[in-house]
PDB file of N, CA and C in Angstrom:
ATOM      1  N   MET A   1       0.814  -1.202   0.000  1.00  0.00           N
ATOM      2  CA  MET A   1       0.000   0.000   0.000  1.00  0.00           C
ATOM      3  C   MET A   1       0.857   1.265   0.000  1.00  0.00           C
ATOM      4  N   ALA A   2       2.143   1.114   0.256  1.00  0.00           N
ATOM      5  CA  ALA A   2       3.025   2.270   0.394  1.00  0.00           C
ATOM      6  C   ALA A   2       3.089   3.124  -0.861  1.00  0.00           C
ATOM      7  N   GLY A   3       2.983   2.536  -2.062  1.00  0.00           N
ATOM      8  CA  GLY A   3       3.141   3.284  -3.288  1.00  0.00           C
ATOM      9  C   GLY A   3       1.850   3.800  -3.892  1.00  0.00           C
ATOM     10  N   ARG A   4       0.775   3.814  -3.139  1.00  0.00           N
ATOM     11  CA  ARG A   4      -0.525   4.198  -3.687  1.00  0.00           C
ATOM     12  C   ARG A   4      -0.837   5.669  -3.459  1.00  0.00           C
ATOM     13  N   HIS A   5      -1.365   6.298  -4.489  1.00  0.00           N
ATOM     14  CA  HIS A   5      -1.798   7.691  -4.414  1.00  0.00           C
ATOM     15  C   HIS A   5      -2.761   7.845  -3.231  1.00  0.00           C
ATOM     16  N   THR A   6      -2.505   8.847  -2.384  1.00  0.00           N
ATOM     17  CA  THR A   6      -3.297   9.025  -1.164  1.00  0.00           C
ATOM     18  C   THR A   6      -3.710  10.479  -1.013  1.00  0.00           C
ATOM     19  N   ILE A   7      -4.964  10.691  -0.696  1.00  0.00           N
ATOM     20  CA  ILE A   7      -5.487  12.021  -0.401  1.00  0.00           C
ATOM     21  C   ILE A   7      -5.939  12.000   1.053  1.00  0.00           C
ATOM     22  N   VAL A   8      -5.412  12.942   1.843  1.00  0.00           N
ATOM     23  CA  VAL A   8      -5.804  13.057   3.245  1.00  0.00           C
ATOM     24  C   VAL A   8      -6.791  14.219   3.348  1.00  0.00           C
ATOM     25  N   LEU A   9      -7.962  13.937   3.872  1.00  0.00           N
ATOM     26  CA  LEU A   9      -8.995  14.945   4.079  1.00  0.00           C
ATOM     27  C   LEU A   9      -8.952  15.357   5.549  1.00  0.00           C
ATOM     28  N   VAL A  10      -8.815  16.658   5.790  1.00  0.00           N
ATOM     29  CA  VAL A  10      -8.648  17.148   7.159  1.00  0.00           C
ATOM     30  C   VAL A  10      -9.628  18.284   7.434  1.00  0.00           C
ATOM     31  N   GLN A  11     -10.236  18.219   8.605  1.00  0.00           N
ATOM     32  CA  GLN A  11     -11.030  19.336   9.122  1.00  0.00           C
ATOM     33  C   GLN A  11     -10.476  19.635  10.512  1.00  0.00           C
ATOM     34  N   PRO A  12      -9.585  20.632  10.618  1.00  0.00           N
ATOM     35  CA  PRO A  12      -8.921  20.899  11.896  1.00  0.00           C
ATOM     36  C   PRO A  12      -9.863  21.350  13.014  1.00  0.00           C
ATOM     37  N   SER A  13     -10.905  22.099  12.673  1.00  0.00           N
ATOM     38  CA  SER A  13     -11.806  22.637  13.698  1.00  0.00           C
ATOM     39  C   SER A  13     -13.245  22.273  13.352  1.00  0.00           C
ATOM     40  N   PRO A  14     -14.168  22.505  14.281  1.00  0.00           N
ATOM     41  CA  PRO A  14     -15.573  22.213  13.982  1.00  0.00           C
ATOM     42  C   PRO A  14     -16.139  23.047  12.828  1.00  0.00           C
ATOM     43  N   ASN A  15     -15.494  24.162  12.522  1.00  0.00           N
ATOM     44  CA  ASN A  15     -15.934  25.025  11.430  1.00  0.00           C
ATOM     45  C   ASN A  15     -15.735  24.303  10.091  1.00  0.00           C
ATOM     46  N   LYS A  16     -16.836  24.088   9.363  1.00  0.00           N
ATOM     47  CA  LYS A  16     -16.738  23.360   8.095  1.00  0.00           C
ATOM     48  C   LYS A  16     -15.857  24.082   7.080  1.00  0.00           C
ATOM     49  N   ALA A  17     -15.686  25.379   7.232  1.00  0.00           N
ATOM     50  CA  ALA A  17     -14.834  26.142   6.317  1.00  0.00           C
ATOM     51  C   ALA A  17     -13.354  25.796   6.498  1.00  0.00           C
ATOM     52  N   SER A  18     -13.015  25.082   7.584  1.00  0.00           N
ATOM     53  CA  SER A  18     -11.612  24.708   7.814  1.00  0.00           C
ATOM     54  C   SER A  18     -11.225  23.440   7.058  1.00  0.00           C
ATOM     55  N   ARG A  19     -12.164  22.843   6.352  1.00  0.00           N
ATOM     56  CA  ARG A  19     -11.883  21.610   5.603  1.00  0.00           C
ATOM     57  C   ARG A  19     -10.838  21.859   4.527  1.00  0.00           C
ATOM     58  N   THR A  20      -9.924  20.908   4.403  1.00  0.00           N
ATOM     59  CA  THR A  20      -8.902  20.987   3.370  1.00  0.00           C
ATOM     60  C   THR A  20      -8.445  19.574   3.027  1.00  0.00           C
ATOM     61  N   PHE A  21      -7.547  19.474   2.073  1.00  0.00           N
ATOM     62  CA  PHE A  21      -7.012  18.164   1.720  1.00  0.00           C
ATOM     63  C   PHE A  21      -5.533  18.290   1.411  1.00  0.00           C
ATOM     64  N   MET A  22      -4.841  17.169   1.515  1.00  0.00           N
ATOM     65  CA  MET A  22      -3.423  17.075   1.161  1.00  0.00           C
ATOM     66  C   MET A  22      -3.301  15.895   0.207  1.00  0.00           C
ATOM     67  N   ASP A  23      -2.598  16.093  -0.885  1.00  0.00           N
ATOM     68  CA  ASP A  23      -2.493  15.098  -1.947  1.00  0.00           C
ATOM     69  C   ASP A  23      -1.069  14.561  -1.994  1.00  0.00           C
ATOM     70  N   PHE A  24      -0.914  13.239  -1.955  1.00  0.00           N
ATOM     71  CA  PHE A  24       0.409  12.612  -1.918  1.00  0.00           C
ATOM     72  C   PHE A  24       0.471  11.463  -2.920  1.00  0.00           C
ATOM     73  N   SER A  25       1.666  11.177  -3.395  1.00  0.00           N
ATOM     74  CA  SER A  25       1.817  10.088  -4.368  1.00  0.00           C
ATOM     75  C   SER A  25       1.937   8.718  -3.700  1.00  0.00           C
ATOM     76  N   SER A  26       2.055   8.683  -2.367  1.00  0.00           N
ATOM     77  CA  SER A  26       2.119   7.399  -1.667  1.00  0.00           C
ATOM     78  C   SER A  26       1.557   7.540  -0.257  1.00  0.00           C
ATOM     79  N   LEU A  27       1.220   6.414   0.323  1.00  0.00           N
ATOM     80  CA  LEU A  27       0.737   6.411   1.702  1.00  0.00           C
ATOM     81  C   LEU A  27       1.824   6.878   2.655  1.00  0.00           C
ATOM     82  N   ASN A  28       3.060   6.433   2.444  1.00  0.00           N
ATOM     83  CA  ASN A  28       4.155   6.856   3.326  1.00  0.00           C
ATOM     84  C   ASN A  28       4.340   8.368   3.296  1.00  0.00           C
ATOM     85  N   GLN A  29       4.242   8.962   2.121  1.00  0.00           N
ATOM     86  CA  GLN A  29       4.348  10.419   2.028  1.00  0.00           C
ATOM     87  C   GLN A  29       3.185  11.094   2.751  1.00  0.00           C
ATOM     88  N   ALA A  30       2.012  10.498   2.676  1.00  0.00           N
ATOM     89  CA  ALA A  30       0.850  11.048   3.370  1.00  0.00           C
ATOM     90  C   ALA A  30       1.060  11.018   4.883  1.00  0.00           C
ATOM     91  N   LEU A  31       1.581   9.915   5.385  1.00  0.00           N
ATOM     92  CA  LEU A  31       1.832   9.800   6.822  1.00  0.00           C
ATOM     93  C   LEU A  31       2.903  10.804   7.255  1.00  0.00           C
ATOM     94  N   ASP A  32       3.943  10.970   6.435  1.00  0.00           N
ATOM     95  CA  ASP A  32       4.961  11.986   6.719  1.00  0.00           C
ATOM     96  C   ASP A  32       4.337  13.385   6.684  1.00  0.00           C
ATOM     97  N   GLY A  33       3.380  13.591   5.782  1.00  0.00           N
ATOM     98  CA  GLY A  33       2.700  14.878   5.689  1.00  0.00           C
ATOM     99  C   GLY A  33       1.884  15.184   6.936  1.00  0.00           C
ATOM    100  N   ILE A  34       1.248  14.182   7.511  1.00  0.00           N
ATOM    101  CA  ILE A  34       0.499  14.376   8.759  1.00  0.00           C
ATOM    102  C   ILE A  34       1.468  14.730   9.880  1.00  0.00           C
ATOM    103  N   CYS A  35       2.616  14.045   9.934  1.00  0.00           N
ATOM    104  CA  CYS A  35       3.633  14.370  10.934  1.00  0.00           C
ATOM    105  C   CYS A  35       4.118  15.804  10.748  1.00  0.00           C
ATOM    106  N   ALA A  36       4.344  16.205   9.505  1.00  0.00           N
ATOM    107  CA  ALA A  36       4.813  17.563   9.218  1.00  0.00           C
ATOM    108  C   ALA A  36       3.780  18.597   9.659  1.00  0.00           C
ATOM    109  N   ARG A  37       2.515  18.280   9.480  1.00  0.00           N
ATOM    110  CA  ARG A  37       1.455  19.200   9.915  1.00  0.00           C
ATOM    111  C   ARG A  37       1.474  19.345  11.441  1.00  0.00           C
ATOM    112  N   TYR A  38       1.690  18.243  12.145  1.00  0.00           N
ATOM    113  CA  TYR A  38       1.792  18.288  13.606  1.00  0.00           C
ATOM    114  C   TYR A  38       3.020  19.092  14.026  1.00  0.00           C
ATOM    115  N   GLU A  39       4.147  18.858  13.380  1.00  0.00           N
ATOM    116  CA  GLU A  39       5.375  19.594  13.712  1.00  0.00           C
ATOM    117  C   GLU A  39       5.204  21.083  13.451  1.00  0.00           C
ATOM    118  N   LYS A  40       4.491  21.448  12.394  1.00  0.00           N
ATOM    119  CA  LYS A  40       4.228  22.864  12.116  1.00  0.00           C
ATOM    120  C   LYS A  40       3.387  23.477  13.226  1.00  0.00           C
ATOM    121  N   LYS A  41       2.415  22.707  13.713  1.00  0.00           N
ATOM    122  CA  LYS A  41       1.577  23.205  14.811  1.00  0.00           C
ATOM    123  C   LYS A  41       2.431  23.454  16.055  1.00  0.00           C
ATOM    124  N   ILE A  42       3.348  22.537  16.353  1.00  0.00           N
ATOM    125  CA  ILE A  42       4.241  22.718  17.503  1.00  0.00           C
ATOM    126  C   ILE A  42       5.080  23.980  17.315  1.00  0.00           C
ATOM    127  N   MET A  43       5.621  24.173  16.108  1.00  0.00           N
ATOM    128  CA  MET A  43       6.456  25.351  15.853  1.00  0.00           C
ATOM    129  C   MET A  43       5.640  26.638  15.901  1.00  0.00           C
ATOM    130  N   ASP A  44       4.372  26.590  15.480  1.00  0.00           N
ATOM    131  CA  ASP A  44       3.509  27.768  15.564  1.00  0.00           C
ATOM    132  C   ASP A  44       3.241  28.146  17.014  1.00  0.00           C
ATOM    133  N   ILE A  45       3.097  27.139  17.868  1.00  0.00           N
ATOM    134  CA  ILE A  45       2.849  27.379  19.291  1.00  0.00           C
ATOM    135  C   ILE A  45       4.116  27.854  19.984  1.00  0.00           C
ATOM    136  N   ASN A  46       5.253  27.291  19.614  1.00  0.00           N
ATOM    137  CA  ASN A  46       6.555  27.595  20.216  1.00  0.00           C
ATOM    138  C   ASN A  46       7.548  28.042  19.150  1.00  0.00           C
ATOM    139  N   PRO A  47       7.415  29.261  18.629  1.00  0.00           N
ATOM    140  CA  PRO A  47       8.285  29.674  17.520  1.00  0.00           C
ATOM    141  C   PRO A  47       9.767  29.757  17.892  1.00  0.00           C
ATOM    142  N   MET A  48      10.088  29.869  19.170  1.00  0.00           N
ATOM    143  CA  MET A  48      11.482  29.982  19.593  1.00  0.00           C
ATOM    144  C   MET A  48      12.152  28.619  19.773  1.00  0.00           C
ATOM    145  N   ALA A  49      11.372  27.566  19.794  1.00  0.00           N
ATOM    146  CA  ALA A  49      11.928  26.230  19.995  1.00  0.00           C
ATOM    147  C   ALA A  49      12.695  25.798  18.749  1.00  0.00           C
ATOM    148  N   ARG A  50      13.952  25.464  18.936  1.00  0.00           N
ATOM    149  CA  ARG A  50      14.785  25.006  17.816  1.00  0.00           C
ATOM    150  C   ARG A  50      14.671  23.494  17.636  1.00  0.00           C
ATOM    151  N   ASN A  51      14.634  22.787  18.745  1.00  0.00           N
ATOM    152  CA  ASN A  51      14.526  21.333  18.721  1.00  0.00           C
ATOM    153  C   ASN A  51      13.370  20.918  19.611  1.00  0.00           C
ATOM    154  N   PHE A  52      12.673  19.910  19.193  1.00  0.00           N
ATOM    155  CA  PHE A  52      11.600  19.375  20.014  1.00  0.00           C
ATOM    156  C   PHE A  52      11.456  17.899  19.706  1.00  0.00           C
ATOM    157  N   THR A  53      10.904  17.184  20.650  1.00  0.00           N
ATOM    158  CA  THR A  53      10.653  15.765  20.456  1.00  0.00           C
ATOM    159  C   THR A  53       9.193  15.486  20.810  1.00  0.00           C
ATOM    160  N   TYR A  54       8.699  14.414  20.251  1.00  0.00           N
ATOM    161  CA  TYR A  54       7.345  13.971  20.571  1.00  0.00           C
ATOM    162  C   TYR A  54       7.284  12.473  20.377  1.00  0.00           C
ATOM    163  N   ASP A  55       6.280  11.869  20.984  1.00  0.00           N
ATOM    164  CA  ASP A  55       6.132  10.431  20.818  1.00  0.00           C
ATOM    165  C   ASP A  55       4.793  10.136  20.134  1.00  0.00           C
ATOM    166  N   ILE A  56       4.526   8.864  19.944  1.00  0.00           N
ATOM    167  CA  ILE A  56       3.325   8.461  19.213  1.00  0.00           C
ATOM    168  C   ILE A  56       2.054   8.914  19.923  1.00  0.00           C
ATOM    169  N   THR A  57       2.093   8.979  21.247  1.00  0.00           N
ATOM    170  CA  THR A  57       0.921   9.438  22.000  1.00  0.00           C
ATOM    171  C   THR A  57       0.604  10.890  21.673  1.00  0.00           C
ATOM    172  N   ASP A  58       1.643  11.726  21.564  1.00  0.00           N
ATOM    173  CA  ASP A  58       1.436  13.128  21.187  1.00  0.00           C
ATOM    174  C   ASP A  58       0.820  13.225  19.798  1.00  0.00           C
ATOM    175  N   LEU A  59       1.319  12.418  18.894  1.00  0.00           N
ATOM    176  CA  LEU A  59       0.801  12.416  17.528  1.00  0.00           C
ATOM    177  C   LEU A  59      -0.643  11.918  17.493  1.00  0.00           C
ATOM    178  N   TYR A  60      -0.936  10.886  18.258  1.00  0.00           N
ATOM    179  CA  TYR A  60      -2.315  10.385  18.351  1.00  0.00           C
ATOM    180  C   TYR A  60      -3.241  11.465  18.913  1.00  0.00           C
ATOM    181  N   ASN A  61      -2.776  12.184  19.932  1.00  0.00           N
ATOM    182  CA  ASN A  61      -3.592  13.258  20.510  1.00  0.00           C
ATOM    183  C   ASN A  61      -3.875  14.347  19.485  1.00  0.00           C
ATOM    184  N   PHE A  62      -2.875  14.654  18.657  1.00  0.00           N
ATOM    185  CA  PHE A  62      -3.067  15.630  17.588  1.00  0.00           C
ATOM    186  C   PHE A  62      -4.129  15.131  16.604  1.00  0.00           C
ATOM    187  N   ILE A  63      -4.000  13.888  16.186  1.00  0.00           N
ATOM    188  CA  ILE A  63      -4.953  13.316  15.230  1.00  0.00           C
ATOM    189  C   ILE A  63      -6.357  13.275  15.842  1.00  0.00           C
ATOM    190  N   ASP A  64      -6.449  12.869  17.106  1.00  0.00           N
ATOM    191  CA  ASP A  64      -7.750  12.821  17.783  1.00  0.00           C
ATOM    192  C   ASP A  64      -8.331  14.213  18.011  1.00  0.00           C
ATOM    193  N   GLY A  65      -7.473  15.223  18.097  1.00  0.00           N
ATOM    194  CA  GLY A  65      -7.919  16.593  18.324  1.00  0.00           C
ATOM    195  C   GLY A  65      -8.479  17.273  17.084  1.00  0.00           C
ATOM    196  N   LEU A  66      -8.259  16.679  15.934  1.00  0.00           N
ATOM    197  CA  LEU A  66      -8.834  17.229  14.707  1.00  0.00           C
ATOM    198  C   LEU A  66     -10.328  16.936  14.675  1.00  0.00           C
ATOM    199  N   ALA A  67     -11.107  17.861  14.168  1.00  0.00           N
ATOM    200  CA  ALA A  67     -12.549  17.626  14.075  1.00  0.00           C
ATOM    201  C   ALA A  67     -12.827  16.400  13.199  1.00  0.00           C
ATOM    202  N   ASP A  68     -12.041  16.261  12.121  1.00  0.00           N
ATOM    203  CA  ASP A  68     -12.203  15.089  11.259  1.00  0.00           C
ATOM    204  C   ASP A  68     -10.928  14.881  10.450  1.00  0.00           C
ATOM    205  N   ILE A  69     -10.613  13.632  10.195  1.00  0.00           N
ATOM    206  CA  ILE A  69      -9.506  13.265   9.315  1.00  0.00           C
ATOM    207  C   ILE A  69      -9.826  11.905   8.717  1.00  0.00           C
ATOM    208  N   SER A  70      -9.549  11.769   7.444  1.00  0.00           N
ATOM    209  CA  SER A  70      -9.724  10.488   6.766  1.00  0.00           C
ATOM    210  C   SER A  70      -8.765  10.447   5.581  1.00  0.00           C
ATOM    211  N   ALA A  71      -8.623   9.271   5.015  1.00  0.00           N
ATOM    212  CA  ALA A  71      -7.719   9.106   3.879  1.00  0.00           C
ATOM    213  C   ALA A  71      -8.448   8.381   2.762  1.00  0.00           C
ATOM    214  N   LEU A  72      -8.145   8.785   1.546  1.00  0.00           N
ATOM    215  CA  LEU A  72      -8.616   8.098   0.356  1.00  0.00           C
ATOM    216  C   LEU A  72      -7.372   7.524  -0.312  1.00  0.00           C
ATOM    217  N   VAL A  73      -7.308   6.208  -0.406  1.00  0.00           N
ATOM    218  CA  VAL A  73      -6.126   5.532  -0.950  1.00  0.00           C
ATOM    219  C   VAL A  73      -6.532   4.813  -2.234  1.00  0.00           C
ATOM    220  N   TYR A  74      -5.770   5.091  -3.282  1.00  0.00           N
ATOM    221  CA  TYR A  74      -6.107   4.527  -4.591  1.00  0.00           C
ATOM    222  C   TYR A  74      -5.781   3.044  -4.653  1.00  0.00           C
ATOM    223  N   ASP A  75      -6.754   2.282  -5.130  1.00  0.00           N
ATOM    224  CA  ASP A  75      -6.587   0.846  -5.339  1.00  0.00           C
ATOM    225  C   ASP A  75      -6.512   0.618  -6.843  1.00  0.00           C
ATOM    226  N   HIS A  76      -5.343   0.199  -7.330  1.00  0.00           N
ATOM    227  CA  HIS A  76      -5.135   0.014  -8.765  1.00  0.00           C
ATOM    228  C   HIS A  76      -6.033  -1.077  -9.343  1.00  0.00           C
ATOM    229  N   GLN A  77      -6.269  -2.115  -8.577  1.00  0.00           N
ATOM    230  CA  GLN A  77      -7.095  -3.222  -9.064  1.00  0.00           C
ATOM    231  C   GLN A  77      -8.544  -2.761  -9.284  1.00  0.00           C
ATOM    232  N   LEU A  78      -9.069  -2.001  -8.335  1.00  0.00           N
ATOM    233  CA  LEU A  78     -10.447  -1.516  -8.449  1.00  0.00           C
ATOM    234  C   LEU A  78     -10.553  -0.249  -9.291  1.00  0.00           C
ATOM    235  N   GLN A  79      -9.432   0.416  -9.481  1.00  0.00           N
ATOM    236  CA  GLN A  79      -9.376   1.713 -10.155  1.00  0.00           C
ATOM    237  C   GLN A  79     -10.309   2.711  -9.475  1.00  0.00           C
ATOM    238  N   ALA A  80     -10.162   2.759  -8.141  1.00  0.00           N
ATOM    239  CA  ALA A  80     -10.990   3.652  -7.335  1.00  0.00           C
ATOM    240  C   ALA A  80     -10.254   3.976  -6.036  1.00  0.00           C
ATOM    241  N   PHE A  81     -10.669   5.066  -5.412  1.00  0.00           N
ATOM    242  CA  PHE A  81     -10.129   5.425  -4.105  1.00  0.00           C
ATOM    243  C   PHE A  81     -10.966   4.750  -3.027  1.00  0.00           C
ATOM    244  N   LEU A  82     -10.290   4.150  -2.048  1.00  0.00           N
ATOM    245  CA  LEU A  82     -10.974   3.515  -0.919  1.00  0.00           C
ATOM    246  C   LEU A  82     -10.833   4.415   0.303  1.00  0.00           C
ATOM    247  N   PRO A  83     -11.923   4.628   1.049  1.00  0.00           N
ATOM    248  CA  PRO A  83     -11.879   5.511   2.219  1.00  0.00           C
ATOM    249  C   PRO A  83     -11.410   4.776   3.477  1.00  0.00           C
ATOM    250  N   TYR A  84     -10.649   5.489   4.304  1.00  0.00           N
ATOM    251  CA  TYR A  84     -10.183   4.946   5.581  1.00  0.00           C
ATOM    252  C   TYR A  84     -10.352   6.016   6.654  1.00  0.00           C
ATOM    253  N   ASP A  85     -10.640   5.567   7.874  1.00  0.00           N
ATOM    254  CA  ASP A  85     -10.954   6.489   8.964  1.00  0.00           C
ATOM    255  C   ASP A  85      -9.747   6.817   9.845  1.00  0.00           C
ATOM    256  N   ARG A  86     -10.015   7.584  10.857  1.00  0.00           N
ATOM    257  CA  ARG A  86      -9.008   8.060  11.812  1.00  0.00           C
ATOM    258  C   ARG A  86      -8.236   6.906  12.458  1.00  0.00           C
ATOM    259  N   GLN A  87      -8.953   5.860  12.892  1.00  0.00           N
ATOM    260  CA  GLN A  87      -8.288   4.718  13.547  1.00  0.00           C
ATOM    261  C   GLN A  87      -7.312   4.036  12.596  1.00  0.00           C
ATOM    262  N   TRP A  88      -7.716   3.871  11.370  1.00  0.00           N
ATOM    263  CA  TRP A  88      -6.853   3.253  10.358  1.00  0.00           C
ATOM    264  C   TRP A  88      -5.600   4.097  10.151  1.00  0.00           C
ATOM    265  N   ILE A  89      -5.766   5.413  10.079  1.00  0.00           N
ATOM    266  CA  ILE A  89      -4.624   6.318   9.914  1.00  0.00           C
ATOM    267  C   ILE A  89      -3.668   6.159  11.097  1.00  0.00           C
ATOM    268  N   LYS A  90      -4.202   6.084  12.306  1.00  0.00           N
ATOM    269  CA  LYS A  90      -3.350   5.925  13.492  1.00  0.00           C
ATOM    270  C   LYS A  90      -2.613   4.590  13.463  1.00  0.00           C
ATOM    271  N   GLN A  91      -3.269   3.530  13.033  1.00  0.00           N
ATOM    272  CA  GLN A  91      -2.610   2.220  12.929  1.00  0.00           C
ATOM    273  C   GLN A  91      -1.485   2.262  11.900  1.00  0.00           C
ATOM    274  N   LYS A  92      -1.756   2.860  10.748  1.00  0.00           N
ATOM    275  CA  LYS A  92      -0.736   2.969   9.701  1.00  0.00           C
ATOM    276  C   LYS A  92       0.411   3.871  10.153  1.00  0.00           C
ATOM    277  N   MET A  93       0.084   4.913  10.910  1.00  0.00           N
ATOM    278  CA  MET A  93       1.121   5.817  11.421  1.00  0.00           C
ATOM    279  C   MET A  93       2.064   5.056  12.350  1.00  0.00           C
ATOM    280  N   PHE A  94       1.509   4.245  13.235  1.00  0.00           N
ATOM    281  CA  PHE A  94       2.333   3.460  14.148  1.00  0.00           C
ATOM    282  C   PHE A  94       3.270   2.543  13.371  1.00  0.00           C
ATOM    283  N   GLN A  95       2.729   1.821  12.397  1.00  0.00           N
ATOM    284  CA  GLN A  95       3.549   0.914  11.576  1.00  0.00           C
ATOM    285  C   GLN A  95       4.628   1.687  10.822  1.00  0.00           C
ATOM    286  N   HIS A  96       4.264   2.824  10.273  1.00  0.00           N
ATOM    287  CA  HIS A  96       5.191   3.647   9.494  1.00  0.00           C
ATOM    288  C   HIS A  96       6.350   4.135  10.362  1.00  0.00           C
ATOM    289  N   LEU A  97       6.039   4.655  11.537  1.00  0.00           N
ATOM    290  CA  LEU A  97       7.082   5.168  12.425  1.00  0.00           C
ATOM    291  C   LEU A  97       7.949   4.029  12.973  1.00  0.00           C
ATOM    292  N   LYS A  98       7.322   2.888  13.218  1.00  0.00           N
ATOM    293  CA  LYS A  98       8.083   1.714  13.669  1.00  0.00           C
ATOM    294  C   LYS A  98       9.083   1.273  12.593  1.00  0.00           C
ATOM    295  N   ASN A  99       8.631   1.273  11.349  1.00  0.00           N
ATOM    296  CA  ASN A  99       9.526   0.906  10.243  1.00  0.00           C
ATOM    297  C   ASN A  99      10.658   1.926  10.095  1.00  0.00           C
ATOM    298  N   GLN A 100      10.356   3.204  10.273  1.00  0.00           N
ATOM    299  CA  GLN A 100      11.402   4.234  10.196  1.00  0.00           C
ATOM    300  C   GLN A 100      12.429   4.066  11.310  1.00  0.00           C
ATOM    301  N   ALA A 101      11.966   3.694  12.492  1.00  0.00           N
ATOM    302  CA  ALA A 101      12.876   3.520  13.632  1.00  0.00           C
ATOM    303  C   ALA A 101      13.838   2.357  13.404  1.00  0.00           C
ATOM    304  N   ARG A 102      13.405   1.362  12.653  1.00  0.00           N
ATOM    305  CA  ARG A 102      14.244   0.201  12.362  1.00  0.00           C
ATOM    306  C   ARG A 102      15.365   0.519  11.366  1.00  0.00           C
ATOM    307  N   GLN A 103      15.174   1.549  10.565  1.00  0.00           N
ATOM    308  CA  GLN A 103      16.143   1.876   9.514  1.00  0.00           C
ATOM    309  C   GLN A 103      17.344   2.622  10.042  1.00  0.00           C
TER     310      GLN A 103
END
């Protein structure tokens, strides 16, 4: 699934006007994009911080704090995008970060 075109749909706040999307050429890039969005939020809150660390719980809290998040992942066999929810994204995020830690 790593090489599949992925669109992440995000609604950061309850305001429907905050809805947006992020388009990636792979699931791994999409997961990195979610991490980058979280890191940007940390830097916006703490602009003077040069270095910071976080763990999977912090990332899960960020994902859970969004009003809505889902992913559409392209399935080449079906020639269609398949929808996945917040829990699925968190499971894939854990696997992705675990694989990165092994490298």
